[in-house]
Amino acid sequence: MNKKLQFRHELKFMIGYPQYLILRQRLQNLIDKDDNANESGEYHIRSLYFDDIDNSALADKLGGLRERAKYRIRIYNVQDDVIHFEKKIKMDDYIAKIKEPLTRGMYDELMAGNYEVLNVPGKPLFMELYDQMRHRLLRPKVIVDYVREPYVCHSGNVRITFDKELRTGLHATNIFDPELRPVKALEDDLIIFEVKFDEYIPDYIKIALQLEGLTRQSASKYVICRKFLKMNSWEDY
């Protein structure tokens, strides 16, 4: 494991609305809401995921590779004041994330096909992306859109999120398109429940969440949304 990266535990579950209501009620009395959330306790996330000519990110996930990575551009509340290009690294139950800020101008250039804006020698992530775009034909693939309800606990650096209303942008790739109308990507109003932490989860949170009673799932939002663009049988998830 790369010691330069800060790896964290990540647990994912797919839950129904009744389970969500019970878990939310318990959490609201135990830990704090994320300061970035609005008065309703939520914020909107929209990500543009990239993949290469071999669809390596998709294939690695479906193949269950122990170590894999995904690239994405992420914005919040459909605003351009915060834009990040991110690399998410997964190793078994551990995750790490590297990110660099983008300006709206850089984003527009990328969408126009000018990858030279990433040729910034002092920025290793940009240089990696630049190399991937030139030699592996890394390109935008799908928009992933959802509403997040986040909670935080400083003891153990625990972050708990409910990701709701998961939608896919289908073949669209412009996350700022005012005409974008993402379509529902999950049936039965399922919610992706995630628990991230550094070394431990405090016992009182474990008791409240009763994680042992939930069934862990490999809930990749990218894979779920990519199924709507499926071109081959091996892309089934």
Protein backbone atom coordinates (compact mmCIF):
# COMPACT_ATOMS: atom_id res chain seq x y z
CA MET A 1 0.00 0.00 0.00
CA ASN A 2 1.33 3.41 -0.95
CA LYS A 3 2.35 5.12 2.29
CA LYS A 4 2.13 8.55 0.67
CA LEU A 5 -1.62 8.14 0.28
CA GLN A 6 -4.05 8.33 3.15
CA PHE A 7 -6.11 5.18 2.85
CA ARG A 8 -9.41 4.88 4.70
CA HIS A 9 -11.90 2.10 5.27
CA GLU A 10 -15.02 2.20 3.12
CA LEU A 11 -18.15 0.13 3.74
CA LYS A 12 -21.10 0.27 1.34
CA PHE A 13 -24.66 -0.95 1.73
CA MET A 14 -27.81 -0.75 -0.38
CA ILE A 15 -30.80 0.05 1.80
CA GLY A 16 -34.50 0.71 1.38
CA TYR A 17 -36.36 3.82 2.46
CA PRO A 18 -37.66 2.36 5.77
CA GLN A 19 -34.10 1.40 6.78
CA TYR A 20 -32.93 4.88 5.84
CA LEU A 21 -35.51 6.51 8.09
CA ILE A 22 -34.48 4.37 11.06
CA LEU A 23 -30.74 4.93 10.56
CA ARG A 24 -31.15 8.66 10.00
CA GLN A 25 -33.19 9.03 13.18
CA ARG A 26 -30.46 7.32 15.20
CA LEU A 27 -27.65 9.35 13.65
CA GLN A 28 -29.34 12.71 14.11
CA ASN A 29 -29.18 12.22 17.85
CA LEU A 30 -25.56 11.06 17.90
CA ILE A 31 -23.35 12.91 15.43
CA ASP A 32 -23.17 16.16 13.50
CA LYS A 33 -24.36 16.99 10.04
CA ASP A 34 -21.70 18.04 7.57
CA ASP A 35 -21.17 21.82 7.61
CA ASN A 36 -21.32 21.86 3.81
CA ALA A 37 -24.91 20.65 3.77
CA ASN A 38 -27.82 23.02 3.25
CA GLU A 39 -30.60 23.67 5.76
CA SER A 40 -32.20 20.38 4.71
CA GLY A 41 -28.98 18.57 5.59
CA GLU A 42 -28.13 17.71 1.97
CA TYR A 43 -26.15 18.80 -1.06
CA HIS A 44 -26.15 17.80 -4.70
CA ILE A 45 -23.23 15.99 -6.34
CA ARG A 46 -22.64 15.61 -10.05
CA SER A 47 -19.63 13.74 -11.39
CA LEU A 48 -18.33 13.11 -14.89
CA TYR A 49 -16.52 9.76 -15.00
CA PHE A 50 -13.76 8.97 -17.46
CA ASP A 51 -12.53 5.66 -18.86
CA ASP A 52 -9.94 4.61 -21.40
CA ILE A 53 -10.17 2.87 -24.78
CA ASP A 54 -10.39 -0.55 -23.06
CA ASN A 55 -12.93 0.58 -20.47
CA SER A 56 -10.38 -0.46 -17.85
CA ALA A 57 -12.13 1.15 -14.87
CA LEU A 58 -15.35 -0.68 -15.72
CA ALA A 59 -13.62 -3.99 -16.47
CA ASP A 60 -11.45 -3.85 -13.34
CA LYS A 61 -14.49 -3.25 -11.15
CA LEU A 62 -16.55 -6.01 -12.74
CA GLY A 63 -13.54 -8.32 -12.60
CA GLY A 64 -13.13 -7.71 -8.89
CA LEU A 65 -9.52 -6.55 -9.11
CA ARG A 66 -7.99 -5.98 -5.69
CA GLU A 67 -6.51 -2.64 -6.69
CA ARG A 68 -8.16 -0.30 -9.16
CA ALA A 69 -8.72 3.39 -9.88
CA LYS A 70 -11.29 5.74 -11.39
CA TYR A 71 -11.02 9.30 -12.69
CA ARG A 72 -13.79 11.86 -12.41
CA ILE A 73 -14.60 15.55 -12.45
CA ARG A 74 -16.88 16.53 -9.58
CA ILE A 75 -19.02 19.59 -8.86
CA TYR A 76 -21.49 20.49 -6.12
CA ASN A 77 -24.98 21.96 -6.40
CA VAL A 78 -24.43 22.44 -10.16
CA GLN A 79 -22.10 25.39 -9.46
CA ASP A 80 -18.70 26.08 -10.99
CA ASP A 81 -17.05 27.69 -7.97
CA VAL A 82 -15.61 24.31 -6.88
CA ILE A 83 -14.53 21.90 -9.61
CA HIS A 84 -12.15 19.04 -8.90
CA PHE A 85 -10.51 16.42 -11.08
CA GLU A 86 -10.18 13.37 -8.84
CA LYS A 87 -8.54 9.97 -8.88
CA LYS A 88 -10.18 7.49 -6.53
CA ILE A 89 -8.01 4.50 -5.65
CA LYS A 90 -9.56 1.34 -4.24
CA MET A 91 -7.64 -1.44 -2.54
CA ASP A 92 -9.89 -4.11 -1.03
CA ASP A 93 -11.91 -2.26 1.65
CA TYR A 94 -9.59 0.76 1.62
CA ILE A 95 -9.89 3.91 -0.45
CA ALA A 96 -7.72 6.93 -1.11
CA LYS A 97 -8.38 10.03 -3.16
CA ILE A 98 -6.13 12.47 -4.99
CA LYS A 99 -7.59 15.65 -6.42
CA GLU A 100 -6.68 18.90 -8.11
CA PRO A 101 -8.89 21.96 -8.60
CA LEU A 102 -9.98 22.91 -12.10
CA THR A 103 -11.07 26.33 -13.27
CA ARG A 104 -14.22 26.61 -15.36
CA GLY A 105 -12.01 27.67 -18.25
CA MET A 106 -9.90 24.51 -17.94
CA TYR A 107 -13.04 22.40 -17.82
CA ASP A 108 -14.42 24.04 -20.96
CA GLU A 109 -11.11 23.44 -22.76
CA LEU A 110 -11.15 19.77 -21.76
CA MET A 111 -14.70 19.35 -23.03
CA ALA A 112 -13.60 20.93 -26.30
CA GLY A 113 -10.88 18.29 -26.60
CA ASN A 114 -7.90 20.46 -25.64
CA TYR A 115 -6.04 18.16 -23.24
CA GLU A 116 -2.97 20.38 -23.28
CA VAL A 117 -4.48 22.31 -20.36
CA LEU A 118 -3.45 19.32 -18.21
CA ASN A 119 0.18 19.50 -19.33
CA VAL A 120 1.28 21.09 -16.02
CA PRO A 121 4.63 19.55 -14.92
CA GLY A 122 4.21 20.69 -11.32
CA LYS A 123 0.92 18.80 -10.93
CA PRO A 124 1.45 14.99 -10.90
CA LEU A 125 -2.27 14.16 -11.19
CA PHE A 126 -2.71 16.46 -14.18
CA MET A 127 0.36 14.93 -15.83
CA GLU A 128 -1.00 11.43 -15.22
CA LEU A 129 -4.33 12.42 -16.75
CA TYR A 130 -2.58 14.10 -19.67
CA ASP A 131 -0.63 10.90 -20.33
CA GLN A 132 -3.78 8.77 -20.05
CA MET A 133 -5.66 11.01 -22.47
CA ARG A 134 -2.85 10.97 -25.02
CA HIS A 135 -1.85 7.32 -24.85
CA ARG A 136 -4.86 5.48 -23.40
CA LEU A 137 -7.56 7.68 -24.97
CA LEU A 138 -9.07 8.45 -21.57
CA ARG A 139 -12.37 10.15 -22.34
CA PRO A 140 -15.62 11.23 -20.62
CA LYS A 141 -18.05 8.32 -20.35
CA VAL A 142 -21.03 9.05 -18.12
CA ILE A 143 -22.51 11.60 -15.72
CA VAL A 144 -23.45 10.35 -12.25
CA ASP A 145 -25.90 12.55 -10.36
CA TYR A 146 -27.31 12.22 -6.82
CA VAL A 147 -28.26 13.94 -3.57
CA ARG A 148 -26.05 13.30 -0.53
CA GLU A 149 -27.06 13.51 3.12
CA PRO A 150 -23.77 13.54 5.11
CA TYR A 151 -22.91 13.08 8.78
CA VAL A 152 -19.53 13.36 10.47
CA CYS A 153 -17.95 12.17 13.71
CA HIS A 154 -14.51 13.53 14.57
CA SER A 155 -13.74 10.57 16.84
CA GLY A 156 -12.27 8.05 14.41
CA ASN A 157 -12.79 10.54 11.57
CA VAL A 158 -16.00 8.77 10.62
CA ARG A 159 -18.07 10.01 7.68
CA ILE A 160 -21.51 8.54 7.05
CA THR A 161 -23.52 9.35 3.94
CA PHE A 162 -26.87 8.51 2.41
CA ASP A 163 -26.74 8.92 -1.38
CA LYS A 164 -30.23 9.31 -2.77
CA GLU A 165 -31.94 9.78 -6.14
CA LEU A 166 -29.08 8.25 -8.12
CA ARG A 167 -29.41 9.29 -11.77
CA THR A 168 -27.42 8.85 -14.94
CA GLY A 169 -26.81 11.41 -17.65
CA LEU A 170 -26.91 8.62 -20.27
CA HIS A 171 -24.75 9.73 -23.21
CA ALA A 172 -24.48 13.36 -22.09
CA THR A 173 -21.05 14.52 -20.86
CA ASN A 174 -21.46 18.23 -20.05
CA ILE A 175 -22.12 18.50 -16.31
CA PHE A 176 -23.05 22.18 -16.66
CA ASP A 177 -25.61 21.68 -19.43
CA PRO A 178 -28.79 23.48 -18.29
CA GLU A 179 -30.81 21.14 -20.52
CA LEU A 180 -29.42 17.99 -18.87
CA ARG A 181 -32.19 15.74 -17.60
CA PRO A 182 -30.61 12.74 -15.81
CA VAL A 183 -32.75 9.62 -15.57
CA LYS A 184 -33.31 7.37 -12.58
CA ALA A 185 -30.60 4.71 -12.25
CA LEU A 186 -31.88 2.65 -9.31
CA GLU A 187 -35.19 0.89 -8.88
CA ASP A 188 -37.36 0.80 -5.75
CA ASP A 189 -35.93 4.08 -4.42
CA LEU A 190 -32.87 2.30 -3.08
CA ILE A 191 -30.31 4.41 -1.21
CA ILE A 192 -26.55 3.87 -1.12
CA PHE A 193 -25.41 3.98 2.49
CA GLU A 194 -21.66 4.50 2.99
CA VAL A 195 -19.48 4.48 6.09
CA LYS A 196 -15.89 5.76 5.81
CA PHE A 197 -13.40 5.87 8.68
CA ASP A 198 -9.68 5.89 9.44
CA GLU A 199 -8.87 3.30 12.11
CA TYR A 200 -12.08 2.60 14.02
CA ILE A 201 -15.77 3.35 14.45
CA PRO A 202 -16.75 4.40 17.99
CA ASP A 203 -18.81 1.72 19.73
CA TYR A 204 -21.86 3.95 20.20
CA ILE A 205 -22.04 4.47 16.43
CA LYS A 206 -21.59 0.75 15.78
CA ILE A 207 -24.47 -0.01 18.11
CA ALA A 208 -26.69 2.63 16.50
CA LEU A 209 -25.96 1.52 12.95
CA GLN A 210 -26.05 -2.23 13.64
CA LEU A 211 -23.89 -2.75 10.58
CA GLU A 212 -23.75 -6.49 11.16
CA GLY A 213 -27.45 -6.60 10.30
CA LEU A 214 -26.91 -5.03 6.90
CA THR A 215 -25.69 -6.76 3.77
CA ARG A 216 -22.59 -5.19 2.31
CA GLN A 217 -22.65 -4.63 -1.42
CA SER A 218 -20.26 -3.48 -4.08
CA ALA A 219 -22.33 -0.43 -4.97
CA SER A 220 -20.31 1.43 -7.61
CA LYS A 221 -22.30 4.41 -8.83
CA TYR A 222 -20.16 4.49 -11.96
CA VAL A 223 -20.97 0.88 -12.84
CA ILE A 224 -24.66 1.30 -12.03
CA CYS A 225 -24.90 4.30 -14.35
CA ARG A 226 -22.75 2.74 -17.07
CA LYS A 227 -25.21 -0.14 -17.44
CA PHE A 228 -27.46 2.24 -19.38
CA LEU A 229 -24.73 2.57 -22.02
CA LYS A 230 -23.98 -1.16 -22.16
CA MET A 231 -22.52 -2.29 -25.49
CA ASN A 232 -21.31 -5.78 -24.53
CA SER A 233 -22.60 -8.65 -22.38
CA TRP A 234 -19.50 -8.53 -20.15
CA GLU A 235 -20.60 -5.11 -18.91
CA ASP A 236 -23.40 -6.65 -16.82
CA TYR A 237 -22.97 -5.90 -13.12
